[in-house]
């Protein structure tokens, strides 16, 4: 599984990154997690709202700070 947390490095983006790591730990899943903070890379990925959570190349959430529980649910689906 490849996960990208995309944002500008603001507190909201950092919170989503932390919640994503916590969710993976709770679920016992392994994944490559990458923070994308470069604006050029964000544009290449087609991201228009931050924070964005991308799982295996698909945007699963944009413009919201998901809780750890919400990330767990998203990763289980």
N, C-alpha and C. Protein backbone atom coordinates (compact mmCIF):
# COMPACT_ATOMS: atom_id res chain seq x y z
N UNK A 1 0.85 -1.17 0.00
CA UNK A 1 0.00 0.00 0.00
C UNK A 1 0.89 1.23 0.00
N UNK A 2 0.55 2.20 -0.83
CA UNK A 2 1.28 3.46 -0.88
C UNK A 2 0.34 4.60 -0.52
N UNK A 3 0.72 5.35 0.50
CA UNK A 3 -0.11 6.45 1.00
C UNK A 3 0.66 7.75 0.89
N UNK A 4 -0.02 8.77 0.39
CA UNK A 4 0.57 10.11 0.33
C UNK A 4 -0.34 11.06 1.10
N UNK A 5 0.27 11.80 2.02
CA UNK A 5 -0.43 12.87 2.72
C UNK A 5 0.09 14.15 2.08
N UNK A 6 -0.81 14.86 1.42
CA UNK A 6 -0.42 15.99 0.59
C UNK A 6 -0.90 17.28 1.23
N UNK A 7 0.04 18.20 1.40
CA UNK A 7 -0.30 19.49 1.99
C UNK A 7 0.92 20.38 2.08
N UNK A 8 0.71 21.55 2.63
CA UNK A 8 1.76 22.57 2.67
C UNK A 8 2.65 22.49 3.90
N UNK A 9 2.39 21.55 4.79
CA UNK A 9 3.16 21.45 6.02
C UNK A 9 2.53 22.21 7.17
N UNK A 10 1.29 22.64 6.97
CA UNK A 10 0.57 23.37 8.01
C UNK A 10 0.14 22.40 9.12
N UNK A 11 -0.33 22.92 10.25
CA UNK A 11 -0.77 22.04 11.34
C UNK A 11 -1.85 21.04 10.93
N UNK A 12 -2.77 21.43 10.04
CA UNK A 12 -3.81 20.51 9.59
C UNK A 12 -3.21 19.34 8.82
N UNK A 13 -2.28 19.63 7.94
CA UNK A 13 -1.63 18.58 7.15
C UNK A 13 -0.81 17.65 8.04
N UNK A 14 -0.12 18.24 9.00
CA UNK A 14 0.67 17.44 9.93
C UNK A 14 -0.22 16.55 10.79
N UNK A 15 -1.39 17.05 11.16
CA UNK A 15 -2.34 16.25 11.95
C UNK A 15 -2.82 15.05 11.14
N UNK A 16 -3.14 15.26 9.86
CA UNK A 16 -3.59 14.15 9.02
C UNK A 16 -2.48 13.11 8.88
N UNK A 17 -1.24 13.56 8.75
CA UNK A 17 -0.11 12.64 8.65
C UNK A 17 0.00 11.80 9.92
N UNK A 18 -0.10 12.45 11.06
CA UNK A 18 -0.02 11.75 12.35
C UNK A 18 -1.17 10.76 12.50
N UNK A 19 -2.38 11.18 12.16
CA UNK A 19 -3.54 10.29 12.27
C UNK A 19 -3.42 9.10 11.33
N UNK A 20 -2.82 9.31 10.18
CA UNK A 20 -2.62 8.21 9.23
C UNK A 20 -1.65 7.18 9.80
N UNK A 21 -0.55 7.65 10.38
CA UNK A 21 0.42 6.72 10.99
C UNK A 21 -0.22 5.96 12.14
N UNK A 22 -1.02 6.66 12.96
CA UNK A 22 -1.69 6.00 14.08
C UNK A 22 -2.67 4.94 13.58
N UNK A 23 -3.39 5.24 12.51
CA UNK A 23 -4.36 4.29 11.96
C UNK A 23 -3.66 3.04 11.45
N UNK A 24 -2.56 3.21 10.76
CA UNK A 24 -1.81 2.06 10.27
C UNK A 24 -1.34 1.18 11.42
N UNK A 25 -0.88 1.82 12.48
CA UNK A 25 -0.42 1.07 13.65
C UNK A 25 -1.58 0.32 14.30
N UNK A 26 -2.71 0.97 14.48
CA UNK A 26 -3.88 0.33 15.09
C UNK A 26 -4.35 -0.87 14.28
N UNK A 27 -4.32 -0.74 12.96
CA UNK A 27 -4.80 -1.81 12.09
C UNK A 27 -3.75 -2.88 11.83
N UNK A 28 -2.53 -2.61 12.23
CA UNK A 28 -1.45 -3.57 11.99
C UNK A 28 -1.08 -3.68 10.52
N UNK A 29 -1.27 -2.59 9.79
CA UNK A 29 -0.96 -2.58 8.36
C UNK A 29 0.40 -1.96 8.11
N UNK A 30 1.03 -2.43 7.05
CA UNK A 30 2.29 -1.83 6.62
C UNK A 30 2.03 -1.07 5.33
N UNK A 31 2.63 0.11 5.23
CA UNK A 31 2.46 0.91 4.03
C UNK A 31 3.64 1.87 3.91
N UNK A 32 3.90 2.26 2.70
CA UNK A 32 4.87 3.33 2.45
C UNK A 32 4.09 4.63 2.56
N UNK A 33 4.45 5.46 3.55
CA UNK A 33 3.74 6.73 3.77
C UNK A 33 4.69 7.86 3.43
N UNK A 34 4.20 8.76 2.58
CA UNK A 34 5.02 9.88 2.12
C UNK A 34 4.26 11.18 2.34
N UNK A 35 4.98 12.19 2.85
CA UNK A 35 4.42 13.53 2.95
C UNK A 35 4.84 14.28 1.69
N UNK A 36 3.88 14.86 1.00
CA UNK A 36 4.17 15.65 -0.19
C UNK A 36 3.86 17.10 0.14
N UNK A 37 4.91 17.93 0.21
CA UNK A 37 4.74 19.34 0.55
C UNK A 37 5.17 20.26 -0.59
N UNK A 38 5.71 19.71 -1.65
CA UNK A 38 6.19 20.49 -2.78
C UNK A 38 5.00 20.90 -3.67
N UNK A 39 4.85 22.20 -3.90
CA UNK A 39 3.70 22.70 -4.66
C UNK A 39 3.67 22.17 -6.09
N UNK A 40 4.82 22.03 -6.72
CA UNK A 40 4.87 21.51 -8.08
C UNK A 40 4.38 20.07 -8.11
N UNK A 41 4.80 19.28 -7.13
CA UNK A 41 4.36 17.89 -7.06
C UNK A 41 2.86 17.80 -6.79
N UNK A 42 2.34 18.71 -5.96
CA UNK A 42 0.90 18.73 -5.69
C UNK A 42 0.12 18.96 -6.98
N UNK A 43 0.59 19.90 -7.79
CA UNK A 43 -0.07 20.19 -9.06
C UNK A 43 0.00 18.98 -9.99
N UNK A 44 1.15 18.32 -10.03
CA UNK A 44 1.30 17.12 -10.86
C UNK A 44 0.31 16.04 -10.45
N UNK A 45 0.05 15.95 -9.14
CA UNK A 45 -0.89 14.94 -8.63
C UNK A 45 -2.34 15.37 -8.80
N UNK A 46 -2.56 16.61 -9.20
CA UNK A 46 -3.92 17.11 -9.42
C UNK A 46 -4.64 17.51 -8.15
N UNK A 47 -3.89 17.80 -7.11
CA UNK A 47 -4.48 18.14 -5.81
C UNK A 47 -4.81 19.63 -5.78
N UNK A 48 -6.06 19.93 -5.44
CA UNK A 48 -6.50 21.32 -5.37
C UNK A 48 -6.86 21.76 -3.94
N UNK A 49 -7.09 20.81 -3.05
CA UNK A 49 -7.41 21.11 -1.66
C UNK A 49 -6.46 20.36 -0.76
N UNK A 50 -6.09 21.00 0.35
CA UNK A 50 -5.25 20.34 1.33
C UNK A 50 -5.93 20.40 2.68
N UNK A 51 -5.66 19.47 3.55
CA UNK A 51 -4.84 18.29 3.31
C UNK A 51 -5.59 17.26 2.46
N UNK A 52 -4.81 16.48 1.75
CA UNK A 52 -5.35 15.41 0.92
C UNK A 52 -4.71 14.09 1.32
N UNK A 53 -5.52 13.05 1.37
CA UNK A 53 -5.02 11.71 1.63
C UNK A 53 -5.21 10.89 0.36
N UNK A 54 -4.10 10.39 -0.18
CA UNK A 54 -4.13 9.59 -1.39
C UNK A 54 -3.66 8.18 -1.05
N UNK A 55 -4.43 7.19 -1.43
CA UNK A 55 -4.10 5.80 -1.17
C UNK A 55 -4.00 5.07 -2.50
N UNK A 56 -2.83 4.52 -2.77
CA UNK A 56 -2.58 3.79 -4.02
C UNK A 56 -3.01 4.58 -5.25
N UNK A 57 -2.68 5.89 -5.25
CA UNK A 57 -2.93 6.73 -6.40
C UNK A 57 -4.33 7.31 -6.51
N UNK A 58 -5.20 7.00 -5.54
CA UNK A 58 -6.57 7.50 -5.57
C UNK A 58 -6.79 8.45 -4.40
N UNK A 59 -7.34 9.63 -4.68
CA UNK A 59 -7.66 10.58 -3.60
C UNK A 59 -8.83 10.01 -2.82
N UNK A 60 -8.60 9.82 -1.53
CA UNK A 60 -9.65 9.28 -0.66
C UNK A 60 -10.28 10.35 0.22
N UNK A 61 -9.56 11.46 0.43
CA UNK A 61 -10.09 12.57 1.22
C UNK A 61 -9.34 13.83 0.82
N UNK A 62 -10.09 14.94 0.72
CA UNK A 62 -9.45 16.21 0.37
C UNK A 62 -10.13 17.34 1.14
N UNK A 63 -9.31 18.22 1.68
CA UNK A 63 -9.82 19.40 2.36
C UNK A 63 -10.36 19.16 3.76
N UNK A 64 -10.07 17.98 4.32
CA UNK A 64 -10.55 17.66 5.67
C UNK A 64 -9.44 17.04 6.49
N UNK A 65 -9.51 17.28 7.80
CA UNK A 65 -8.60 16.60 8.72
C UNK A 65 -9.36 15.39 9.24
N UNK A 66 -9.00 14.22 8.77
CA UNK A 66 -9.64 13.01 9.25
C UNK A 66 -9.08 12.63 10.62
N UNK A 67 -9.94 12.10 11.47
CA UNK A 67 -9.48 11.57 12.75
C UNK A 67 -8.80 10.23 12.50
N UNK A 68 -8.14 9.73 13.50
CA UNK A 68 -7.52 8.42 13.38
C UNK A 68 -8.57 7.36 13.07
N UNK A 69 -9.73 7.46 13.71
CA UNK A 69 -10.80 6.49 13.49
C UNK A 69 -11.31 6.56 12.05
N UNK A 70 -11.43 7.77 11.51
CA UNK A 70 -11.89 7.93 10.13
C UNK A 70 -10.88 7.35 9.14
N UNK A 71 -9.60 7.54 9.42
CA UNK A 71 -8.57 6.97 8.56
C UNK A 71 -8.62 5.45 8.64
N UNK A 72 -8.82 4.91 9.83
CA UNK A 72 -8.94 3.44 9.98
C UNK A 72 -10.08 2.92 9.11
N UNK A 73 -11.23 3.56 9.18
CA UNK A 73 -12.38 3.12 8.40
C UNK A 73 -12.08 3.21 6.91
N UNK A 74 -11.46 4.28 6.49
CA UNK A 74 -11.12 4.46 5.08
C UNK A 74 -10.15 3.38 4.60
N UNK A 75 -9.17 3.03 5.42
CA UNK A 75 -8.18 2.04 5.02
C UNK A 75 -8.76 0.63 5.01
N UNK A 76 -9.80 0.38 5.82
CA UNK A 76 -10.43 -0.94 5.84
C UNK A 76 -11.33 -1.15 4.63
N UNK A 77 -11.87 -0.06 4.08
CA UNK A 77 -12.79 -0.17 2.93
C UNK A 77 -12.06 -0.53 1.65
